[in-house]
PDB file of all heavy atoms in Angstrom:
ATOM      1  N   THR A   1      13.102   0.487   1.663  1.00  0.00           N
ATOM      2  CA  THR A   1      14.068   1.221   2.483  1.00  0.00           C
ATOM      3  C   THR A   1      13.375   2.234   3.383  1.00  0.00           C
ATOM      4  O   THR A   1      12.211   2.590   3.183  1.00  0.00           O
ATOM      5  CB  THR A   1      15.076   1.961   1.588  1.00  0.00           C
ATOM      6  OG1 THR A   1      14.377   2.933   0.805  1.00  0.00           O
ATOM      7  CG2 THR A   1      15.804   0.989   0.662  1.00  0.00           C
ATOM      8  N   ASP A   2      14.139   2.718   4.367  1.00  0.00           N
ATOM      9  CA  ASP A   2      13.615   3.679   5.344  1.00  0.00           C
ATOM     10  C   ASP A   2      13.935   5.133   4.989  1.00  0.00           C
ATOM     11  O   ASP A   2      13.682   6.029   5.784  1.00  0.00           O
ATOM     12  CB  ASP A   2      14.211   3.392   6.737  1.00  0.00           C
ATOM     13  CG  ASP A   2      13.568   2.196   7.418  1.00  0.00           C
ATOM     14  OD1 ASP A   2      12.517   1.744   6.943  1.00  0.00           O
ATOM     15  OD2 ASP A   2      14.131   1.709   8.419  1.00  0.00           O
ATOM     16  N   TRP A   3      14.490   5.376   3.815  1.00  0.00           N
ATOM     17  CA  TRP A   3      14.991   6.718   3.525  1.00  0.00           C
ATOM     18  C   TRP A   3      13.865   7.745   3.429  1.00  0.00           C
ATOM     19  O   TRP A   3      14.077   8.930   3.686  1.00  0.00           O
ATOM     20  CB  TRP A   3      15.785   6.737   2.226  1.00  0.00           C
ATOM     21  CG  TRP A   3      16.655   5.550   1.939  1.00  0.00           C
ATOM     22  CD1 TRP A   3      16.844   4.958   0.723  1.00  0.00           C
ATOM     23  CD2 TRP A   3      17.476   4.805   2.845  1.00  0.00           C
ATOM     24  NE1 TRP A   3      17.702   3.908   0.809  1.00  0.00           N
ATOM     25  CE2 TRP A   3      18.113   3.783   2.117  1.00  0.00           C
ATOM     26  CE3 TRP A   3      17.728   4.886   4.221  1.00  0.00           C
ATOM     27  CZ2 TRP A   3      18.988   2.867   2.679  1.00  0.00           C
ATOM     28  CZ3 TRP A   3      18.600   3.970   4.794  1.00  0.00           C
ATOM     29  CH2 TRP A   3      19.223   2.979   4.039  1.00  0.00           C
ATOM     30  N   GLN A   4      12.688   7.282   3.022  1.00  0.00           N
ATOM     31  CA  GLN A   4      11.530   8.176   2.922  1.00  0.00           C
ATOM     32  C   GLN A   4      10.307   7.463   3.484  1.00  0.00           C
ATOM     33  O   GLN A   4      10.134   6.263   3.268  1.00  0.00           O
ATOM     34  CB  GLN A   4      11.211   8.538   1.465  1.00  0.00           C
ATOM     35  CG  GLN A   4      12.243   9.298   0.700  1.00  0.00           C
ATOM     36  CD  GLN A   4      11.716   9.591  -0.692  1.00  0.00           C
ATOM     37  OE1 GLN A   4      10.946  10.530  -0.899  1.00  0.00           O
ATOM     38  NE2 GLN A   4      12.131   8.798  -1.667  1.00  0.00           N
ATOM     39  N   ARG A   5       9.447   8.216   4.150  1.00  0.00           N
ATOM     40  CA  ARG A   5       8.165   7.647   4.554  1.00  0.00           C
ATOM     41  C   ARG A   5       7.375   7.295   3.287  1.00  0.00           C
ATOM     42  O   ARG A   5       7.375   8.041   2.323  1.00  0.00           O
ATOM     43  CB  ARG A   5       7.371   8.644   5.397  1.00  0.00           C
ATOM     44  CG  ARG A   5       7.994   8.922   6.755  1.00  0.00           C
ATOM     45  CD  ARG A   5       7.085   9.786   7.607  1.00  0.00           C
ATOM     46  NE  ARG A   5       7.714  10.111   8.882  1.00  0.00           N
ATOM     47  CZ  ARG A   5       7.704   9.325   9.945  1.00  0.00           C
ATOM     48  NH1 ARG A   5       7.083   8.147   9.875  1.00  0.00           N
ATOM     49  NH2 ARG A   5       8.300   9.687  11.072  1.00  0.00           N
ATOM     50  N   GLY A   6       6.706   6.176   3.344  1.00  0.00           N
ATOM     51  CA  GLY A   6       5.893   5.779   2.202  1.00  0.00           C
ATOM     52  C   GLY A   6       6.583   4.854   1.224  1.00  0.00           C
ATOM     53  O   GLY A   6       5.964   4.432   0.244  1.00  0.00           O
ATOM     54  N   ASN A   7       7.851   4.500   1.478  1.00  0.00           N
ATOM     55  CA  ASN A   7       8.536   3.609   0.534  1.00  0.00           C
ATOM     56  C   ASN A   7       7.894   2.225   0.467  1.00  0.00           C
ATOM     57  O   ASN A   7       7.916   1.568  -0.574  1.00  0.00           O
ATOM     58  CB  ASN A   7      10.016   3.481   0.898  1.00  0.00           C
ATOM     59  CG  ASN A   7      10.830   4.678   0.437  1.00  0.00           C
ATOM     60  OD1 ASN A   7      10.322   5.545  -0.290  1.00  0.00           O
ATOM     61  ND2 ASN A   7      12.091   4.745   0.845  1.00  0.00           N
ATOM     62  N   PHE A   8       7.342   1.778   1.580  1.00  0.00           N
ATOM     63  CA  PHE A   8       6.607   0.507   1.569  1.00  0.00           C
ATOM     64  C   PHE A   8       5.501   0.550   0.521  1.00  0.00           C
ATOM     65  O   PHE A   8       5.350  -0.373  -0.297  1.00  0.00           O
ATOM     66  CB  PHE A   8       6.024   0.244   2.957  1.00  0.00           C
ATOM     67  CG  PHE A   8       5.058  -0.901   3.040  1.00  0.00           C
ATOM     68  CD1 PHE A   8       5.501  -2.208   3.080  1.00  0.00           C
ATOM     69  CD2 PHE A   8       3.680  -0.667   3.085  1.00  0.00           C
ATOM     70  CE1 PHE A   8       4.601  -3.273   3.174  1.00  0.00           C
ATOM     71  CE2 PHE A   8       2.780  -1.718   3.182  1.00  0.00           C
ATOM     72  CZ  PHE A   8       3.242  -3.027   3.220  1.00  0.00           C
ATOM     73  N   TRP A   9       4.742   1.640   0.507  1.00  0.00           N
ATOM     74  CA  TRP A   9       3.611   1.748  -0.412  1.00  0.00           C
ATOM     75  C   TRP A   9       4.067   1.964  -1.851  1.00  0.00           C
ATOM     76  O   TRP A   9       3.390   1.551  -2.789  1.00  0.00           O
ATOM     77  CB  TRP A   9       2.681   2.867   0.045  1.00  0.00           C
ATOM     78  CG  TRP A   9       2.113   2.562   1.392  1.00  0.00           C
ATOM     79  CD1 TRP A   9       2.473   3.108   2.589  1.00  0.00           C
ATOM     80  CD2 TRP A   9       1.117   1.573   1.684  1.00  0.00           C
ATOM     81  NE1 TRP A   9       1.772   2.528   3.618  1.00  0.00           N
ATOM     82  CE2 TRP A   9       0.923   1.582   3.087  1.00  0.00           C
ATOM     83  CE3 TRP A   9       0.368   0.690   0.910  1.00  0.00           C
ATOM     84  CZ2 TRP A   9       0.016   0.743   3.719  1.00  0.00           C
ATOM     85  CZ3 TRP A   9      -0.538  -0.152   1.532  1.00  0.00           C
ATOM     86  CH2 TRP A   9      -0.706  -0.119   2.930  1.00  0.00           C
ATOM     87  N   ARG A  10       5.228   2.562  -2.025  1.00  0.00           N
ATOM     88  CA  ARG A  10       5.777   2.700  -3.381  1.00  0.00           C
ATOM     89  C   ARG A  10       6.159   1.334  -3.942  1.00  0.00           C
ATOM     90  O   ARG A  10       5.975   1.071  -5.139  1.00  0.00           O
ATOM     91  CB  ARG A  10       6.967   3.657  -3.354  1.00  0.00           C
ATOM     92  CG  ARG A  10       6.567   5.098  -2.986  1.00  0.00           C
ATOM     93  CD  ARG A  10       7.740   6.070  -2.997  1.00  0.00           C
ATOM     94  NE  ARG A  10       7.244   7.397  -2.601  1.00  0.00           N
ATOM     95  CZ  ARG A  10       7.312   7.896  -1.370  1.00  0.00           C
ATOM     96  NH1 ARG A  10       7.888   7.174  -0.396  1.00  0.00           N
ATOM     97  NH2 ARG A  10       6.828   9.095  -1.086  1.00  0.00           N
ATOM     98  N   ALA A  11       6.688   0.471  -3.073  1.00  0.00           N
ATOM     99  CA  ALA A  11       6.990  -0.894  -3.508  1.00  0.00           C
ATOM    100  C   ALA A  11       5.713  -1.647  -3.873  1.00  0.00           C
ATOM    101  O   ALA A  11       5.667  -2.374  -4.871  1.00  0.00           O
ATOM    102  CB  ALA A  11       7.757  -1.635  -2.413  1.00  0.00           C
ATOM    103  N   ILE A  12       4.677  -1.462  -3.069  1.00  0.00           N
ATOM    104  CA  ILE A  12       3.388  -2.098  -3.358  1.00  0.00           C
ATOM    105  C   ILE A  12       2.874  -1.648  -4.718  1.00  0.00           C
ATOM    106  O   ILE A  12       2.401  -2.448  -5.533  1.00  0.00           O
ATOM    107  CB  ILE A  12       2.358  -1.756  -2.260  1.00  0.00           C
ATOM    108  CG1 ILE A  12       2.793  -2.273  -0.884  1.00  0.00           C
ATOM    109  CG2 ILE A  12       0.968  -2.280  -2.636  1.00  0.00           C
ATOM    110  CD1 ILE A  12       2.944  -3.751  -0.779  1.00  0.00           C
ATOM    111  N   ARG A  13       2.969  -0.351  -4.976  1.00  0.00           N
ATOM    112  CA  ARG A  13       2.484   0.200  -6.250  1.00  0.00           C
ATOM    113  C   ARG A  13       3.167  -0.474  -7.431  1.00  0.00           C
ATOM    114  O   ARG A  13       2.509  -0.815  -8.433  1.00  0.00           O
ATOM    115  CB  ARG A  13       2.750   1.703  -6.278  1.00  0.00           C
ATOM    116  CG  ARG A  13       2.413   2.410  -7.590  1.00  0.00           C
ATOM    117  CD  ARG A  13       0.910   2.540  -7.797  1.00  0.00           C
ATOM    118  NE  ARG A  13       0.339   1.456  -8.601  1.00  0.00           N
ATOM    119  CZ  ARG A  13      -0.959   1.360  -8.891  1.00  0.00           C
ATOM    120  NH1 ARG A  13      -1.820   2.240  -8.424  1.00  0.00           N
ATOM    121  NH2 ARG A  13      -1.409   0.374  -9.625  1.00  0.00           N
ATOM    122  N   GLU A  14       4.469  -0.670  -7.337  1.00  0.00           N
ATOM    123  CA  GLU A  14       5.180  -1.295  -8.452  1.00  0.00           C
ATOM    124  C   GLU A  14       4.736  -2.742  -8.646  1.00  0.00           C
ATOM    125  O   GLU A  14       4.583  -3.214  -9.778  1.00  0.00           O
ATOM    126  CB  GLU A  14       6.683  -1.233  -8.223  1.00  0.00           C
ATOM    127  CG  GLU A  14       7.481  -1.859  -9.369  1.00  0.00           C
ATOM    128  CD  GLU A  14       8.966  -1.619  -9.240  1.00  0.00           C
ATOM    129  OE1 GLU A  14       9.373  -0.440  -9.169  1.00  0.00           O
ATOM    130  OE2 GLU A  14       9.718  -2.622  -9.218  1.00  0.00           O
ATOM    131  N   LEU A  15       4.520  -3.445  -7.550  1.00  0.00           N
ATOM    132  CA  LEU A  15       4.158  -4.859  -7.654  1.00  0.00           C
ATOM    133  C   LEU A  15       2.762  -5.071  -8.226  1.00  0.00           C
ATOM    134  O   LEU A  15       2.515  -6.064  -8.912  1.00  0.00           O
ATOM    135  CB  LEU A  15       4.265  -5.525  -6.279  1.00  0.00           C
ATOM    136  CG  LEU A  15       5.689  -5.739  -5.755  1.00  0.00           C
ATOM    137  CD1 LEU A  15       5.664  -6.183  -4.309  1.00  0.00           C
ATOM    138  CD2 LEU A  15       6.425  -6.763  -6.615  1.00  0.00           C
ATOM    139  N   ILE A  16       1.838  -4.177  -7.944  1.00  0.00           N
ATOM    140  CA  ILE A  16       0.474  -4.381  -8.442  1.00  0.00           C
ATOM    141  C   ILE A  16       0.274  -3.777  -9.824  1.00  0.00           C
ATOM    142  O   ILE A  16      -0.801  -3.931 -10.414  1.00  0.00           O
ATOM    143  CB  ILE A  16      -0.571  -3.806  -7.465  1.00  0.00           C
ATOM    144  CG1 ILE A  16      -0.396  -2.294  -7.295  1.00  0.00           C
ATOM    145  CG2 ILE A  16      -0.498  -4.518  -6.127  1.00  0.00           C
ATOM    146  CD1 ILE A  16      -1.422  -1.686  -6.379  1.00  0.00           C
ATOM    147  N   GLY A  17       1.296  -3.113 -10.357  1.00  0.00           N
ATOM    148  CA  GLY A  17       1.211  -2.594 -11.714  1.00  0.00           C
ATOM    149  C   GLY A  17       0.183  -1.491 -11.855  1.00  0.00           C
ATOM    150  O   GLY A  17       0.088  -0.596 -11.016  1.00  0.00           O
ATOM    151  N   THR A  18      -0.613  -1.592 -12.890  1.00  0.00           N
ATOM    152  CA  THR A  18      -1.575  -0.523 -13.194  1.00  0.00           C
ATOM    153  C   THR A  18      -2.932  -0.729 -12.527  1.00  0.00           C
ATOM    154  O   THR A  18      -3.842   0.082 -12.716  1.00  0.00           O
ATOM    155  CB  THR A  18      -1.783  -0.436 -14.713  1.00  0.00           C
ATOM    156  OG1 THR A  18      -2.277  -1.700 -15.190  1.00  0.00           O
ATOM    157  CG2 THR A  18      -0.471  -0.103 -15.415  1.00  0.00           C
ATOM    158  N   ALA A  19      -3.077  -1.773 -11.743  1.00  0.00           N
ATOM    159  CA  ALA A  19      -4.380  -2.063 -11.121  1.00  0.00           C
ATOM    160  C   ALA A  19      -4.822  -0.916 -10.219  1.00  0.00           C
ATOM    161  O   ALA A  19      -4.017  -0.328  -9.496  1.00  0.00           O
ATOM    162  CB  ALA A  19      -4.287  -3.347 -10.313  1.00  0.00           C
ATOM    163  N   ASP A  20      -6.105  -0.589 -10.269  1.00  0.00           N
ATOM    164  CA  ASP A  20      -6.655   0.413  -9.349  1.00  0.00           C
ATOM    165  C   ASP A  20      -7.714  -0.193  -8.432  1.00  0.00           C
ATOM    166  O   ASP A  20      -8.371   0.509  -7.669  1.00  0.00           O
ATOM    167  CB  ASP A  20      -7.224   1.606 -10.106  1.00  0.00           C
ATOM    168  CG  ASP A  20      -8.400   1.230 -10.999  1.00  0.00           C
ATOM    169  OD1 ASP A  20      -8.728   0.019 -11.070  1.00  0.00           O
ATOM    170  OD2 ASP A  20      -8.981   2.130 -11.619  1.00  0.00           O
ATOM    171  N   ARG A  21      -7.845  -1.534  -8.496  1.00  0.00           N
ATOM    172  CA  ARG A  21      -8.808  -2.254  -7.665  1.00  0.00           C
ATOM    173  C   ARG A  21      -8.142  -3.543  -7.197  1.00  0.00           C
ATOM    174  O   ARG A  21      -7.777  -4.380  -8.030  1.00  0.00           O
ATOM    175  CB  ARG A  21     -10.073  -2.550  -8.461  1.00  0.00           C
ATOM    176  CG  ARG A  21     -11.170  -3.275  -7.681  1.00  0.00           C
ATOM    177  CD  ARG A  21     -12.428  -3.390  -8.556  1.00  0.00           C
ATOM    178  NE  ARG A  21     -13.539  -3.988  -7.852  1.00  0.00           N
ATOM    179  CZ  ARG A  21     -13.797  -5.305  -7.841  1.00  0.00           C
ATOM    180  NH1 ARG A  21     -13.009  -6.146  -8.511  1.00  0.00           N
ATOM    181  NH2 ARG A  21     -14.832  -5.779  -7.161  1.00  0.00           N
ATOM    182  N   ILE A  22      -7.977  -3.709  -5.891  1.00  0.00           N
ATOM    183  CA  ILE A  22      -7.284  -4.888  -5.367  1.00  0.00           C
ATOM    184  C   ILE A  22      -8.014  -5.442  -4.159  1.00  0.00           C
ATOM    185  O   ILE A  22      -8.864  -4.781  -3.564  1.00  0.00           O
ATOM    186  CB  ILE A  22      -5.827  -4.564  -4.984  1.00  0.00           C
ATOM    187  CG1 ILE A  22      -5.783  -3.591  -3.792  1.00  0.00           C
ATOM    188  CG2 ILE A  22      -5.046  -4.016  -6.174  1.00  0.00           C
ATOM    189  CD1 ILE A  22      -4.397  -3.438  -3.195  1.00  0.00           C
ATOM    190  N   GLY A  23      -7.653  -6.648  -3.769  1.00  0.00           N
ATOM    191  CA  GLY A  23      -8.173  -7.249  -2.551  1.00  0.00           C
ATOM    192  C   GLY A  23      -7.292  -6.901  -1.366  1.00  0.00           C
ATOM    193  O   GLY A  23      -6.059  -6.835  -1.493  1.00  0.00           O
ATOM    194  N   ILE A  24      -7.910  -6.679  -0.223  1.00  0.00           N
ATOM    195  CA  ILE A  24      -7.184  -6.377   1.014  1.00  0.00           C
ATOM    196  C   ILE A  24      -7.826  -7.145   2.162  1.00  0.00           C
ATOM    197  O   ILE A  24      -8.859  -7.788   2.003  1.00  0.00           O
ATOM    198  CB  ILE A  24      -7.165  -4.854   1.322  1.00  0.00           C
ATOM    199  CG1 ILE A  24      -8.599  -4.290   1.383  1.00  0.00           C
ATOM    200  CG2 ILE A  24      -6.359  -4.115   0.265  1.00  0.00           C
ATOM    201  CD1 ILE A  24      -9.250  -4.288   2.725  1.00  0.00           C
ATOM    202  N   GLU A  25      -7.213  -7.058   3.341  1.00  0.00           N
ATOM    203  CA  GLU A  25      -7.766  -7.669   4.543  1.00  0.00           C
ATOM    204  C   GLU A  25      -8.487  -6.597   5.354  1.00  0.00           C
ATOM    205  O   GLU A  25      -7.860  -5.790   6.029  1.00  0.00           O
ATOM    206  CB  GLU A  25      -6.658  -8.296   5.385  1.00  0.00           C
ATOM    207  CG  GLU A  25      -5.944  -9.447   4.700  1.00  0.00           C
ATOM    208  CD  GLU A  25      -4.776  -9.943   5.519  1.00  0.00           C
ATOM    209  OE1 GLU A  25      -5.001 -10.747   6.453  1.00  0.00           O
ATOM    210  OE2 GLU A  25      -3.638  -9.528   5.236  1.00  0.00           O
ATOM    211  N   GLY A  26      -9.796  -6.610   5.286  1.00  0.00           N
ATOM    212  CA  GLY A  26     -10.578  -5.597   5.976  1.00  0.00           C
ATOM    213  C   GLY A  26     -10.452  -5.638   7.484  1.00  0.00           C
ATOM    214  O   GLY A  26     -10.676  -4.630   8.157  1.00  0.00           O
ATOM    215  N   ASP A  27     -10.069  -6.788   8.021  1.00  0.00           N
ATOM    216  CA  ASP A  27      -9.909  -6.908   9.474  1.00  0.00           C
ATOM    217  C   ASP A  27      -8.487  -6.602   9.924  1.00  0.00           C
ATOM    218  O   ASP A  27      -8.158  -6.761  11.101  1.00  0.00           O
ATOM    219  CB  ASP A  27     -10.328  -8.295   9.957  1.00  0.00           C
ATOM    220  CG  ASP A  27      -9.539  -9.421   9.292  1.00  0.00           C
ATOM    221  OD1 ASP A  27      -8.695  -9.135   8.424  1.00  0.00           O
ATOM    222  OD2 ASP A  27      -9.781 -10.596   9.639  1.00  0.00           O
ATOM    223  N   HIS A  28      -7.635  -6.138   9.006  1.00  0.00           N
ATOM    224  CA  HIS A  28      -6.253  -5.849   9.371  1.00  0.00           C
ATOM    225  C   HIS A  28      -5.757  -4.503   8.874  1.00  0.00           C
ATOM    226  O   HIS A  28      -4.915  -3.873   9.514  1.00  0.00           O
ATOM    227  CB  HIS A  28      -5.321  -6.955   8.857  1.00  0.00           C
ATOM    228  CG  HIS A  28      -3.941  -6.898   9.428  1.00  0.00           C
ATOM    229  ND1 HIS A  28      -2.890  -6.255   8.810  1.00  0.00           N
ATOM    230  CD2 HIS A  28      -3.444  -7.397  10.587  1.00  0.00           C
ATOM    231  CE1 HIS A  28      -1.809  -6.352   9.560  1.00  0.00           C
ATOM    232  NE2 HIS A  28      -2.114  -7.049  10.640  1.00  0.00           N
ATOM    233  N   LEU A  29      -6.241  -4.043   7.742  1.00  0.00           N
ATOM    234  CA  LEU A  29      -5.778  -2.781   7.169  1.00  0.00           C
ATOM    235  C   LEU A  29      -6.310  -1.616   8.002  1.00  0.00           C
ATOM    236  O   LEU A  29      -7.513  -1.406   8.109  1.00  0.00           O
ATOM    237  CB  LEU A  29      -6.253  -2.656   5.721  1.00  0.00           C
ATOM    238  CG  LEU A  29      -5.545  -1.600   4.874  1.00  0.00           C
ATOM    239  CD1 LEU A  29      -4.131  -2.065   4.524  1.00  0.00           C
ATOM    240  CD2 LEU A  29      -6.332  -1.318   3.599  1.00  0.00           C
ATOM    241  N   THR A  30      -5.416  -0.836   8.596  1.00  0.00           N
ATOM    242  CA  THR A  30      -5.823   0.283   9.443  1.00  0.00           C
ATOM    243  C   THR A  30      -6.285   1.462   8.595  1.00  0.00           C
ATOM    244  O   THR A  30      -6.044   1.525   7.388  1.00  0.00           O
ATOM    245  CB  THR A  30      -4.662   0.737  10.335  1.00  0.00           C
ATOM    246  OG1 THR A  30      -3.620   1.266   9.495  1.00  0.00           O
ATOM    247  CG2 THR A  30      -4.122  -0.419  11.170  1.00  0.00           C
ATOM    248  N   LEU A  31      -6.918   2.436   9.246  1.00  0.00           N
ATOM    249  CA  LEU A  31      -7.329   3.648   8.536  1.00  0.00           C
ATOM    250  C   LEU A  31      -6.117   4.377   7.977  1.00  0.00           C
ATOM    251  O   LEU A  31      -6.164   4.917   6.862  1.00  0.00           O
ATOM    252  CB  LEU A  31      -8.116   4.558   9.479  1.00  0.00           C
ATOM    253  CG  LEU A  31      -9.504   4.066   9.892  1.00  0.00           C
ATOM    254  CD1 LEU A  31     -10.103   4.994  10.937  1.00  0.00           C
ATOM    255  CD2 LEU A  31     -10.427   3.961   8.683  1.00  0.00           C
ATOM    256  N   GLN A  32      -5.032   4.410   8.739  1.00  0.00           N
ATOM    257  CA  GLN A  32      -3.814   5.062   8.268  1.00  0.00           C
ATOM    258  C   GLN A  32      -3.260   4.354   7.030  1.00  0.00           C
ATOM    259  O   GLN A  32      -2.866   5.003   6.044  1.00  0.00           O
ATOM    260  CB  GLN A  32      -2.766   5.062   9.376  1.00  0.00           C
ATOM    261  CG  GLN A  32      -1.473   5.783   9.027  1.00  0.00           C
ATOM    262  CD  GLN A  32      -0.459   5.702  10.154  1.00  0.00           C
ATOM    263  OE1 GLN A  32      -0.250   4.623  10.732  1.00  0.00           O
ATOM    264  NE2 GLN A  32       0.167   6.822  10.489  1.00  0.00           N
ATOM    265  N   ALA A  33      -3.242   3.024   7.068  1.00  0.00           N
ATOM    266  CA  ALA A  33      -2.765   2.268   5.920  1.00  0.00           C
ATOM    267  C   ALA A  33      -3.691   2.437   4.721  1.00  0.00           C
ATOM    268  O   ALA A  33      -3.237   2.532   3.577  1.00  0.00           O
ATOM    269  CB  ALA A  33      -2.626   0.794   6.289  1.00  0.00           C
ATOM    270  N   ARG A  34      -4.983   2.493   4.992  1.00  0.00           N
ATOM    271  CA  ARG A  34      -5.946   2.695   3.890  1.00  0.00           C
ATOM    272  C   ARG A  34      -5.692   4.030   3.199  1.00  0.00           C
ATOM    273  O   ARG A  34      -5.750   4.130   1.969  1.00  0.00           O
ATOM    274  CB  ARG A  34      -7.375   2.650   4.457  1.00  0.00           C
ATOM    275  CG  ARG A  34      -8.468   2.976   3.444  1.00  0.00           C
ATOM    276  CD  ARG A  34      -8.571   1.901   2.381  1.00  0.00           C
ATOM    277  NE  ARG A  34      -9.560   2.221   1.369  1.00  0.00           N
ATOM    278  CZ  ARG A  34      -9.308   2.879   0.238  1.00  0.00           C
ATOM    279  NH1 ARG A  34      -8.073   3.307  -0.005  1.00  0.00           N
ATOM    280  NH2 ARG A  34     -10.255   3.105  -0.639  1.00  0.00           N
ATOM    281  N   SER A  35      -5.401   5.057   3.966  1.00  0.00           N
ATOM    282  CA  SER A  35      -5.113   6.371   3.396  1.00  0.00           C
ATOM    283  C   SER A  35      -3.851   6.331   2.544  1.00  0.00           C
ATOM    284  O   SER A  35      -3.813   6.885   1.435  1.00  0.00           O
ATOM    285  CB  SER A  35      -4.972   7.398   4.516  1.00  0.00           C
ATOM    286  OG  SER A  35      -4.627   8.661   4.002  1.00  0.00           O
ATOM    287  N   ALA A  36      -2.791   5.660   3.047  1.00  0.00           N
ATOM    288  CA  ALA A  36      -1.544   5.556   2.285  1.00  0.00           C
ATOM    289  C   ALA A  36      -1.738   4.745   1.019  1.00  0.00           C
ATOM    290  O   ALA A  36      -1.147   5.049  -0.028  1.00  0.00           O
ATOM    291  CB  ALA A  36      -0.462   4.927   3.159  1.00  0.00           C
TER     292      ALA A  36
END
C-alpha cells in the first residue's frame, strides 16, 4: 500500500523471512533502493 513510504520494503522483509543475505540484481538495484 501507499499509506507509508517504505511499505514495499516491509513486504519484502516479510517474504524473505529471517534471511540477512540475499541475491539481488546489481545492474538494476539503485543506491536509494540499496539503502532501503
